[in-house]
C-alpha atoms as a PDB file:
ATOM      1  CA  MET A   1     139.914 435.628 221.678  1.00  0.00           C
ATOM      2  CA  ARG A   2     136.711 435.875 219.617  1.00  0.00           C
ATOM      3  CA  ILE A   3     133.400 436.980 221.137  1.00  0.00           C
ATOM      4  CA  ARG A   4     129.984 436.833 219.690  1.00  0.00           C
ATOM      5  CA  CYS A   5     127.873 439.740 220.724  1.00  0.00           C
ATOM      6  CA  GLY A   6     124.266 440.614 219.880  1.00  0.00           C
ATOM      7  CA  TYR A   7     120.795 441.537 221.177  1.00  0.00           C
ATOM      8  CA  GLU A   8     117.113 441.249 220.132  1.00  0.00           C
ATOM      9  CA  ILE A   9     114.853 443.969 221.638  1.00  0.00           C
ATOM     10  CA  THR A  10     111.158 444.228 220.795  1.00  0.00           C
ATOM     11  CA  TYR A  11     108.934 447.271 221.457  1.00  0.00           C
ATOM     12  CA  GLU A  12     105.156 447.710 221.071  1.00  0.00           C
ATOM     13  CA  CYS A  13     104.126 451.333 220.188  1.00  0.00           C
ATOM     14  CA  PRO A  14     100.504 452.540 220.017  1.00  0.00           C
ATOM     15  CA  ALA A  15     101.519 455.214 217.346  1.00  0.00           C
ATOM     16  CA  PRO A  16     104.643 456.176 215.339  1.00  0.00           C
ATOM     17  CA  THR A  17     107.294 457.035 217.947  1.00  0.00           C
ATOM     18  CA  PRO A  18     110.764 458.650 217.486  1.00  0.00           C
ATOM     19  CA  MET A  19     113.553 456.834 219.165  1.00  0.00           C
ATOM     20  CA  LEU A  20     117.270 457.293 219.921  1.00  0.00           C
ATOM     21  CA  LEU A  21     119.402 454.280 219.962  1.00  0.00           C
ATOM     22  CA  MET A  22     122.943 453.745 221.443  1.00  0.00           C
ATOM     23  CA  LEU A  23     123.474 450.130 220.228  1.00  0.00           C
ATOM     24  CA  ASN A  24     126.698 450.095 218.327  1.00  0.00           C
ATOM     25  CA  VAL A  25     130.277 449.502 219.803  1.00  0.00           C
ATOM     26  CA  ARG A  26     132.454 452.513 220.384  1.00  0.00           C
ATOM     27  CA  PRO A  27     134.549 453.660 217.434  1.00  0.00           C
ATOM     28  CA  GLU A  28     137.712 452.619 219.152  1.00  0.00           C
ATOM     29  CA  ARG A  29     136.640 448.991 218.741  1.00  0.00           C
ATOM     30  CA  LEU A  30     135.549 449.092 215.146  1.00  0.00           C
ATOM     31  CA  ALA A  31     138.921 447.751 213.946  1.00  0.00           C
ATOM     32  CA  ASP A  32     138.393 444.667 216.154  1.00  0.00           C
ATOM     33  CA  LEU A  33     135.132 443.602 214.370  1.00  0.00           C
ATOM     34  CA  GLU A  34     135.263 440.443 212.298  1.00  0.00           C
ATOM     35  CA  THR A  35     131.645 440.757 211.257  1.00  0.00           C
ATOM     36  CA  PRO A  36     129.672 444.063 210.889  1.00  0.00           C
ATOM     37  CA  ASP A  37     128.036 445.599 213.844  1.00  0.00           C
ATOM     38  CA  VAL A  38     124.804 446.508 212.121  1.00  0.00           C
ATOM     39  CA  ILE A  39     121.255 447.271 213.727  1.00  0.00           C
ATOM     40  CA  ARG A  40     118.606 445.363 211.986  1.00  0.00           C
ATOM     41  CA  SER A  41     114.874 446.002 212.330  1.00  0.00           C
ATOM     42  CA  ASN A  42     111.662 444.010 211.612  1.00  0.00           C
ATOM     43  CA  PRO A  43     109.867 445.537 209.946  1.00  0.00           C
ATOM     44  CA  PRO A  44     112.534 447.387 208.072  1.00  0.00           C
ATOM     45  CA  ILE A  45     112.793 451.127 208.743  1.00  0.00           C
ATOM     46  CA  HIS A  46     114.937 454.037 208.002  1.00  0.00           C
ATOM     47  CA  LEU A  47     117.781 454.663 210.279  1.00  0.00           C
ATOM     48  CA  SER A  48     120.315 457.628 210.522  1.00  0.00           C
ATOM     49  CA  GLN A  49     123.310 457.951 212.569  1.00  0.00           C
ATOM     50  CA  TYR A  50     125.600 460.610 214.036  1.00  0.00           C
ATOM     51  CA  ARG A  51     128.322 461.067 216.803  1.00  0.00           C
ATOM     52  CA  ASP A  52     127.436 462.582 220.030  1.00  0.00           C
ATOM     53  CA  GLN A  53     129.642 465.089 222.220  1.00  0.00           C
ATOM     54  CA  PHE A  54     131.231 461.911 223.809  1.00  0.00           C
ATOM     55  CA  GLY A  55     132.123 460.283 220.564  1.00  0.00           C
ATOM     56  CA  ASN A  56     129.285 457.570 220.886  1.00  0.00           C
ATOM     57  CA  LEU A  57     127.658 456.355 217.783  1.00  0.00           C
ATOM     58  CA  CYS A  58     123.933 457.169 218.009  1.00  0.00           C
ATOM     59  CA  SER A  59     121.068 456.178 215.735  1.00  0.00           C
ATOM     60  CA  ARG A  60     117.765 457.867 215.123  1.00  0.00           C
ATOM     61  CA  ILE A  61     114.566 455.950 214.006  1.00  0.00           C
ATOM     62  CA  LEU A  62     110.848 456.439 213.711  1.00  0.00           C
ATOM     63  CA  ALA A  63     109.426 453.357 215.280  1.00  0.00           C
ATOM     64  CA  PRO A  64     106.105 452.485 213.422  1.00  0.00           C
ATOM     65  CA  ALA A  65     102.888 451.681 215.254  1.00  0.00           C
ATOM     66  CA  GLY A  66     102.751 448.138 216.399  1.00  0.00           C
ATOM     67  CA  ARG A  67     105.559 445.801 216.950  1.00  0.00           C
ATOM     68  CA  LEU A  68     109.200 446.642 216.241  1.00  0.00           C
ATOM     69  CA  THR A  69     112.161 444.321 216.788  1.00  0.00           C
ATOM     70  CA  LEU A  70     115.832 445.608 216.786  1.00  0.00           C
ATOM     71  CA  SER A  71     118.691 443.077 216.550  1.00  0.00           C
ATOM     72  CA  ALA A  72     122.380 442.603 215.804  1.00  0.00           C
ATOM     73  CA  ASP A  73     124.591 439.665 215.811  1.00  0.00           C
ATOM     74  CA  PHE A  74     128.421 440.203 215.338  1.00  0.00           C
ATOM     75  CA  VAL A  75     131.808 438.779 216.200  1.00  0.00           C
ATOM     76  CA  ILE A  76     134.599 440.930 217.685  1.00  0.00           C
ATOM     77  CA  ARG A  77     138.178 440.183 218.539  1.00  0.00           C
ATOM     78  CA  ASP A  78     139.591 440.771 222.002  1.00  0.00           C
ATOM     79  CA  THR A  79     142.908 440.403 223.664  1.00  0.00           C
ATOM     80  CA  GLY A  80     141.473 437.869 226.189  1.00  0.00           C
ATOM     81  CA  GLN A  81     143.485 439.597 228.953  1.00  0.00           C
ATOM     82  CA  PRO A  82     141.705 440.795 232.210  1.00  0.00           C
ATOM     83  CA  ASP A  83     141.300 444.425 232.932  1.00  0.00           C
ATOM     84  CA  GLU A  84     144.632 446.078 233.704  1.00  0.00           C
ATOM     85  CA  VAL A  85     145.489 447.136 237.276  1.00  0.00           C
ATOM     86  CA  PHE A  86     147.654 450.266 237.831  1.00  0.00           C
ATOM     87  CA  PRO A  87     148.451 450.333 241.483  1.00  0.00           C
ATOM     88  CA  ASP A  88     150.895 453.211 241.160  1.00  0.00           C
ATOM     89  CA  ALA A  89     148.711 455.432 239.068  1.00  0.00           C
ATOM     90  CA  GLU A  90     148.736 458.899 240.584  1.00  0.00           C
ATOM     91  CA  GLN A  91     145.914 461.349 240.888  1.00  0.00           C
ATOM     92  CA  THR A  92     146.231 464.400 238.865  1.00  0.00           C
ATOM     93  CA  PRO A  93     145.696 467.732 240.781  1.00  0.00           C
ATOM     94  CA  VAL A  94     142.482 469.357 239.628  1.00  0.00           C
ATOM     95  CA  ASP A  95     144.244 472.456 238.332  1.00  0.00           C
ATOM     96  CA  ARG A  96     146.289 470.358 236.085  1.00  0.00           C
ATOM     97  CA  LEU A  97     143.568 468.203 234.523  1.00  0.00           C
ATOM     98  CA  PRO A  98     142.904 468.445 230.767  1.00  0.00           C
ATOM     99  CA  ASP A  99     139.919 470.658 229.926  1.00  0.00           C
ATOM    100  CA  ASP A 100     137.843 467.797 228.514  1.00  0.00           C
ATOM    101  CA  VAL A 101     138.317 465.809 231.700  1.00  0.00           C
ATOM    102  CA  ILE A 102     136.910 468.443 234.149  1.00  0.00           C
ATOM    103  CA  VAL A 103     133.274 467.676 233.226  1.00  0.00           C
ATOM    104  CA  TYR A 104     133.760 464.250 234.841  1.00  0.00           C
ATOM    105  CA  LEU A 105     134.297 465.872 238.279  1.00  0.00           C
ATOM    106  CA  LEU A 106     130.959 467.638 238.111  1.00  0.00           C
ATOM    107  CA  GLY A 107     127.625 466.374 239.485  1.00  0.00           C
ATOM    108  CA  SER A 108     125.049 465.015 237.067  1.00  0.00           C
ATOM    109  CA  ARG A 109     121.500 463.728 236.863  1.00  0.00           C
ATOM    110  CA  TYR A 110     122.222 460.352 238.836  1.00  0.00           C
ATOM    111  CA  VAL A 111     125.417 461.450 240.518  1.00  0.00           C
ATOM    112  CA  GLU A 112     124.870 463.836 243.224  1.00  0.00           C
ATOM    113  CA  THR A 113     128.277 464.904 244.394  1.00  0.00           C
ATOM    114  CA  GLN A 114     127.026 467.627 246.869  1.00  0.00           C
ATOM    115  CA  GLU A 115     124.834 465.121 248.796  1.00  0.00           C
ATOM    116  CA  LEU A 116     127.829 462.568 249.200  1.00  0.00           C
ATOM    117  CA  GLY A 117     130.784 464.963 249.583  1.00  0.00           C
ATOM    118  CA  ASP A 118     131.039 464.825 253.328  1.00  0.00           C
ATOM    119  CA  LEU A 119     130.512 461.126 253.566  1.00  0.00           C
ATOM    120  CA  ALA A 120     133.224 460.648 250.940  1.00  0.00           C
ATOM    121  CA  TRP A 121     135.786 462.688 252.643  1.00  0.00           C
ATOM    122  CA  LYS A 122     134.999 460.937 255.917  1.00  0.00           C
ATOM    123  CA  LEU A 123     135.418 457.526 254.441  1.00  0.00           C
ATOM    124  CA  PHE A 124     138.403 458.054 252.094  1.00  0.00           C
ATOM    125  CA  GLY A 125     140.092 461.223 253.078  1.00  0.00           C
ATOM    126  CA  ASP A 126     142.796 459.350 255.005  1.00  0.00           C
ATOM    127  CA  ILE A 127     143.615 456.898 252.139  1.00  0.00           C
ATOM    128  CA  ALA A 128     146.408 457.741 249.725  1.00  0.00           C
ATOM    129  CA  PRO A 129     145.214 459.592 246.705  1.00  0.00           C
ATOM    130  CA  GLY A 130     145.381 457.821 243.369  1.00  0.00           C
ATOM    131  CA  TRP A 131     144.660 454.177 242.660  1.00  0.00           C
ATOM    132  CA  PRO A 132     144.549 453.111 246.355  1.00  0.00           C
ATOM    133  CA  ARG A 133     141.826 455.579 246.983  1.00  0.00           C
ATOM    134  CA  ALA A 134     139.877 454.738 243.819  1.00  0.00           C
ATOM    135  CA  GLN A 135     140.078 450.951 244.740  1.00  0.00           C
ATOM    136  CA  ALA A 136     138.907 451.722 248.241  1.00  0.00           C
ATOM    137  CA  ILE A 137     135.814 453.426 246.792  1.00  0.00           C
ATOM    138  CA  VAL A 138     135.101 450.521 244.437  1.00  0.00           C
ATOM    139  CA  GLN A 139     135.398 448.085 247.189  1.00  0.00           C
ATOM    140  CA  TYR A 140     133.034 450.182 249.463  1.00  0.00           C
ATOM    141  CA  ALA A 141     130.445 450.451 246.654  1.00  0.00           C
ATOM    142  CA  HIS A 142     130.684 446.746 245.960  1.00  0.00           C
ATOM    143  CA  GLN A 143     130.098 445.860 249.681  1.00  0.00           C
ATOM    144  CA  ARG A 144     127.309 448.537 250.161  1.00  0.00           C
ATOM    145  CA  ILE A 145     124.959 447.350 247.584  1.00  0.00           C
ATOM    146  CA  VAL A 146     123.239 444.068 247.302  1.00  0.00           C
ATOM    147  CA  PHE A 147     122.808 442.909 243.628  1.00  0.00           C
ATOM    148  CA  GLY A 148     119.510 441.732 242.256  1.00  0.00           C
ATOM    149  CA  TYR A 149     117.639 442.273 238.888  1.00  0.00           C
ATOM    150  CA  GLU A 150     114.473 442.550 240.901  1.00  0.00           C
ATOM    151  CA  HIS A 151     116.011 445.751 242.440  1.00  0.00           C
ATOM    152  CA  ALA A 152     116.399 447.511 239.085  1.00  0.00           C
ATOM    153  CA  ARG A 153     114.733 451.042 238.899  1.00  0.00           C
ATOM    154  CA  PRO A 154     115.692 453.464 236.243  1.00  0.00           C
ATOM    155  CA  THR A 155     115.175 456.521 238.470  1.00  0.00           C
ATOM    156  CA  ARG A 156     117.558 455.521 241.287  1.00  0.00           C
ATOM    157  CA  THR A 157     120.424 457.934 241.944  1.00  0.00           C
ATOM    158  CA  ALA A 158     123.786 457.261 243.551  1.00  0.00           C
ATOM    159  CA  THR A 159     122.599 458.597 246.856  1.00  0.00           C
ATOM    160  CA  GLN A 160     119.455 456.489 246.841  1.00  0.00           C
ATOM    161  CA  ALA A 161     121.497 453.455 245.881  1.00  0.00           C
ATOM    162  CA  HIS A 162     123.621 454.248 248.921  1.00  0.00           C
ATOM    163  CA  ASP A 163     120.702 454.682 251.235  1.00  0.00           C
ATOM    164  CA  GLU A 164     118.637 451.757 249.917  1.00  0.00           C
ATOM    165  CA  GLN A 165     121.754 449.357 249.647  1.00  0.00           C
ATOM    166  CA  LEU A 166     120.065 447.709 246.689  1.00  0.00           C
ATOM    167  CA  GLY A 167     120.594 447.797 242.907  1.00  0.00           C
ATOM    168  CA  VAL A 168     122.085 446.488 239.752  1.00  0.00           C
ATOM    169  CA  CYS A 169     125.340 447.286 237.920  1.00  0.00           C
ATOM    170  CA  ARG A 170     124.291 450.814 236.933  1.00  0.00           C
ATOM    171  CA  ASP A 171     123.749 451.619 240.611  1.00  0.00           C
ATOM    172  CA  TYR A 172     127.152 450.212 241.594  1.00  0.00           C
ATOM    173  CA  ALA A 173     128.652 452.439 238.923  1.00  0.00           C
ATOM    174  CA  HIS A 174     126.816 455.551 239.803  1.00  0.00           C
ATOM    175  CA  LEU A 175     127.749 455.258 243.524  1.00  0.00           C
ATOM    176  CA  ALA A 176     131.460 454.601 242.735  1.00  0.00           C
ATOM    177  CA  ILE A 177     131.529 457.428 240.258  1.00  0.00           C
ATOM    178  CA  ALA A 178     129.849 459.953 242.714  1.00  0.00           C
ATOM    179  CA  LEU A 179     132.292 459.049 245.490  1.00  0.00           C
ATOM    180  CA  CYS A 180     135.328 459.356 243.095  1.00  0.00           C
ATOM    181  CA  ARG A 181     134.293 462.736 241.955  1.00  0.00           C
ATOM    182  CA  CYS A 182     133.727 463.852 245.521  1.00  0.00           C
ATOM    183  CA  MET A 183     137.461 462.951 245.950  1.00  0.00           C
ATOM    184  CA  ASN A 184     138.489 464.878 242.893  1.00  0.00           C
ATOM    185  CA  ILE A 185     138.963 461.738 240.934  1.00  0.00           C
ATOM    186  CA  PRO A 186     137.397 462.181 237.384  1.00  0.00           C
ATOM    187  CA  ALA A 187     135.049 459.303 236.734  1.00  0.00           C
ATOM    188  CA  ARG A 188     132.748 458.461 233.831  1.00  0.00           C
ATOM    189  CA  TYR A 189     130.039 455.920 233.180  1.00  0.00           C
ATOM    190  CA  CYS A 190     130.622 453.064 230.637  1.00  0.00           C
ATOM    191  CA  THR A 191     128.076 450.565 229.170  1.00  0.00           C
ATOM    192  CA  GLY A 192     128.565 447.615 226.905  1.00  0.00           C
ATOM    193  CA  TYR A 193     128.796 443.884 226.682  1.00  0.00           C
ATOM    194  CA  LEU A 194     130.472 441.822 229.496  1.00  0.00           C
ATOM    195  CA  GLY A 195     129.988 438.067 229.129  1.00  0.00           C
ATOM    196  CA  ASP A 196     130.750 435.461 231.812  1.00  0.00           C
ATOM    197  CA  ILE A 197     134.120 434.770 230.327  1.00  0.00           C
ATOM    198  CA  GLY A 198     136.614 433.306 232.810  1.00  0.00           C
ATOM    199  CA  VAL A 199     133.997 433.215 235.569  1.00  0.00           C
ATOM    200  CA  PRO A 200     131.040 430.944 236.488  1.00  0.00           C
ATOM    201  CA  ALA A 201     127.737 431.859 234.489  1.00  0.00           C
ATOM    202  CA  ASN A 202     125.590 434.309 236.593  1.00  0.00           C
ATOM    203  CA  GLY A 203     122.024 434.437 235.416  1.00  0.00           C
ATOM    204  CA  PRO A 204     120.509 435.817 232.225  1.00  0.00           C
ATOM    205  CA  MET A 205     122.851 437.901 229.976  1.00  0.00           C
ATOM    206  CA  ASP A 206     122.368 441.648 229.965  1.00  0.00           C
ATOM    207  CA  PHE A 207     124.235 444.727 229.021  1.00  0.00           C
ATOM    208  CA  SER A 208     126.701 445.811 231.802  1.00  0.00           C
ATOM    209  CA  ALA A 209     127.741 449.102 233.361  1.00  0.00           C
ATOM    210  CA  TRP A 210     131.115 450.027 234.836  1.00  0.00           C
ATOM    211  CA  MET A 211     133.324 453.128 235.103  1.00  0.00           C
ATOM    212  CA  GLU A 212     136.660 454.634 234.080  1.00  0.00           C
ATOM    213  CA  VAL A 213     138.705 456.860 236.284  1.00  0.00           C
ATOM    214  CA  TYR A 214     141.277 459.366 235.153  1.00  0.00           C
ATOM    215  CA  LEU A 215     144.501 458.346 236.926  1.00  0.00           C
ATOM    216  CA  GLY A 216     148.134 458.551 235.888  1.00  0.00           C
ATOM    217  CA  GLY A 217     147.224 460.644 232.872  1.00  0.00           C
ATOM    218  CA  ALA A 218     144.790 458.074 231.416  1.00  0.00           C
ATOM    219  CA  TRP A 219     141.363 456.448 231.675  1.00  0.00           C
ATOM    220  CA  ARG A 220     141.442 453.260 233.627  1.00  0.00           C
ATOM    221  CA  THR A 221     138.739 450.614 233.778  1.00  0.00           C
ATOM    222  CA  MET A 222     137.224 449.842 237.273  1.00  0.00           C
ATOM    223  CA  ASP A 223     134.140 447.867 238.086  1.00  0.00           C
ATOM    224  CA  ALA A 224     132.322 448.261 241.399  1.00  0.00           C
ATOM    225  CA  ARG A 225     129.696 445.553 240.491  1.00  0.00           C
ATOM    226  CA  HIS A 226     132.377 442.771 240.321  1.00  0.00           C
ATOM    227  CA  ASN A 227     135.384 444.369 242.051  1.00  0.00           C
ATOM    228  CA  LYS A 228     137.835 442.332 240.242  1.00  0.00           C
ATOM    229  CA  PRO A 229     139.446 442.369 236.589  1.00  0.00           C
ATOM    230  CA  ARG A 230     137.160 440.833 234.105  1.00  0.00           C
ATOM    231  CA  ILE A 231     137.829 439.534 230.535  1.00  0.00           C
ATOM    232  CA  GLY A 232     136.112 440.643 227.355  1.00  0.00           C
ATOM    233  CA  ARG A 233     134.527 444.031 227.852  1.00  0.00           C
ATOM    234  CA  VAL A 234     133.097 445.426 224.739  1.00  0.00           C
ATOM    235  CA  MET A 235     132.117 449.174 225.351  1.00  0.00           C
ATOM    236  CA  MET A 236     129.272 450.662 223.523  1.00  0.00           C
ATOM    237  CA  ALA A 237     129.100 454.100 225.018  1.00  0.00           C
ATOM    238  CA  LEU A 238     130.412 456.327 227.626  1.00  0.00           C
ATOM    239  CA  GLY A 239     129.297 459.670 229.298  1.00  0.00           C
ATOM    240  CA  ARG A 240     128.684 461.374 232.605  1.00  0.00           C
ATOM    241  CA  ASP A 241     126.096 458.892 233.822  1.00  0.00           C
ATOM    242  CA  ALA A 242     123.224 456.643 232.627  1.00  0.00           C
ATOM    243  CA  THR A 243     121.517 459.663 231.124  1.00  0.00           C
ATOM    244  CA  ASP A 244     124.096 459.951 228.369  1.00  0.00           C
ATOM    245  CA  VAL A 245     124.279 456.330 227.406  1.00  0.00           C
ATOM    246  CA  ALA A 246     120.825 455.001 227.385  1.00  0.00           C
ATOM    247  CA  ILE A 247     120.535 451.985 225.102  1.00  0.00           C
ATOM    248  CA  THR A 248     117.080 453.395 223.805  1.00  0.00           C
ATOM    249  CA  THR A 249     115.344 456.501 224.376  1.00  0.00           C
ATOM    250  CA  HIS A 250     111.710 456.704 223.120  1.00  0.00           C
ATOM    251  CA  PHE A 251     109.881 460.139 222.738  1.00  0.00           C
ATOM    252  CA  GLY A 252     106.376 458.769 223.335  1.00  0.00           C
ATOM    253  CA  PRO A 253     104.681 455.706 224.525  1.00  0.00           C
ATOM    254  CA  ALA A 254     106.505 452.379 223.873  1.00  0.00           C
ATOM    255  CA  THR A 255     106.316 449.122 225.844  1.00  0.00           C
ATOM    256  CA  LEU A 256     109.305 446.779 226.038  1.00  0.00           C
ATOM    257  CA  ALA A 257     107.939 443.396 224.866  1.00  0.00           C
ATOM    258  CA  ASP A 258     111.142 441.372 224.772  1.00  0.00           C
ATOM    259  CA  PHE A 259     114.843 441.841 225.684  1.00  0.00           C
ATOM    260  CA  GLN A 260     117.730 439.413 225.034  1.00  0.00           C
ATOM    261  CA  VAL A 261     121.502 439.863 224.976  1.00  0.00           C
ATOM    262  CA  VAL A 262     124.186 437.455 223.791  1.00  0.00           C
ATOM    263  CA  THR A 263     127.880 437.636 224.767  1.00  0.00           C
ATOM    264  CA  ASP A 264     129.618 434.284 224.198  1.00  0.00           C
ATOM    265  CA  GLU A 265     133.297 433.276 223.678  1.00  0.00           C
ATOM    266  CA  LEU A 266     133.872 431.525 220.408  1.00  0.00           C
ATOM    267  CA  PRO A 267     136.397 428.901 219.584  1.00  0.00           C
ATOM    268  CA  GLY A 268     139.615 429.921 217.984  1.00  0.00           C
END
C-alpha cells in the first residue's frame, strides 16, 4: 500500500519566535519513504534537527515576525495490514521489566496515576493480566468518552477526561495510558498520521493519537479512540504523554491561522 501524507500549518507571529517542531516520521519508518519527508517553510527559514531522548526527530526554527507556513507532502509505503492483535501476550512483572520501560509506568503531566489508581484496581483487578486486561481498559476508555472536535482542550488531563466524559483522540489515549500504568502495564503515547483507510470517512483529517503497551516482551499498538485494528498508521513521535510529542511548541506569542492534514491511500 502507498499512502500520501502531509500537512500545511500557518502561524502568525507578532515578533520573531523560537519554535520546536515534531513533524517528521519516526526513524523506524524512514526506509518506507518513497519521497522525502521534508519540512518546507514559506518564507524560507533556517531549520536544525536533533533526536530527543525518545528517539523522535525534532526540528528547531526561529519563526519570523508575520506569517509563516510549514508544509510537507510525501509518499510512504505500508503493509496495508491492520494493527496486530496479541490475545496471548503476557504481562511482564514489574521487577523484570527492562530499565528503559520503567518510565512508562510512572505518572506524567497528563497522566495522573495516583488519582486513578483506586478506580483502576476496582474496575480491572479481577480481569486476567496481560492482553485481556489492556483490552478491557481500551474498551472502557472508548465507551467513557464522547468524541468531538469541539471538545478539544490542550490542558485536559486523563482524570479530567474521565470526569468530563468528553474529548478527542489525545484524551482517549491519556485515559487508557493512565489506567494501564495503574495496573502495572507500561504504556506510552504515540502520535502520527491515521487516514480513513478501510473505514468510512469521518470528518476533516487531523493528526491522530494512540498508545503502545508493553506486553509479551514488546510494544503493541492499541487505540482507545477507535477500539479496533486500523490500517495505515504512520507514527511521527512517541513519549510519556502529549507533552513529549507536541507537533509544534512556540516560545512566545503565535496564533494558529490555518491547519490542514492529508492522509490518503494512493493507487498501486
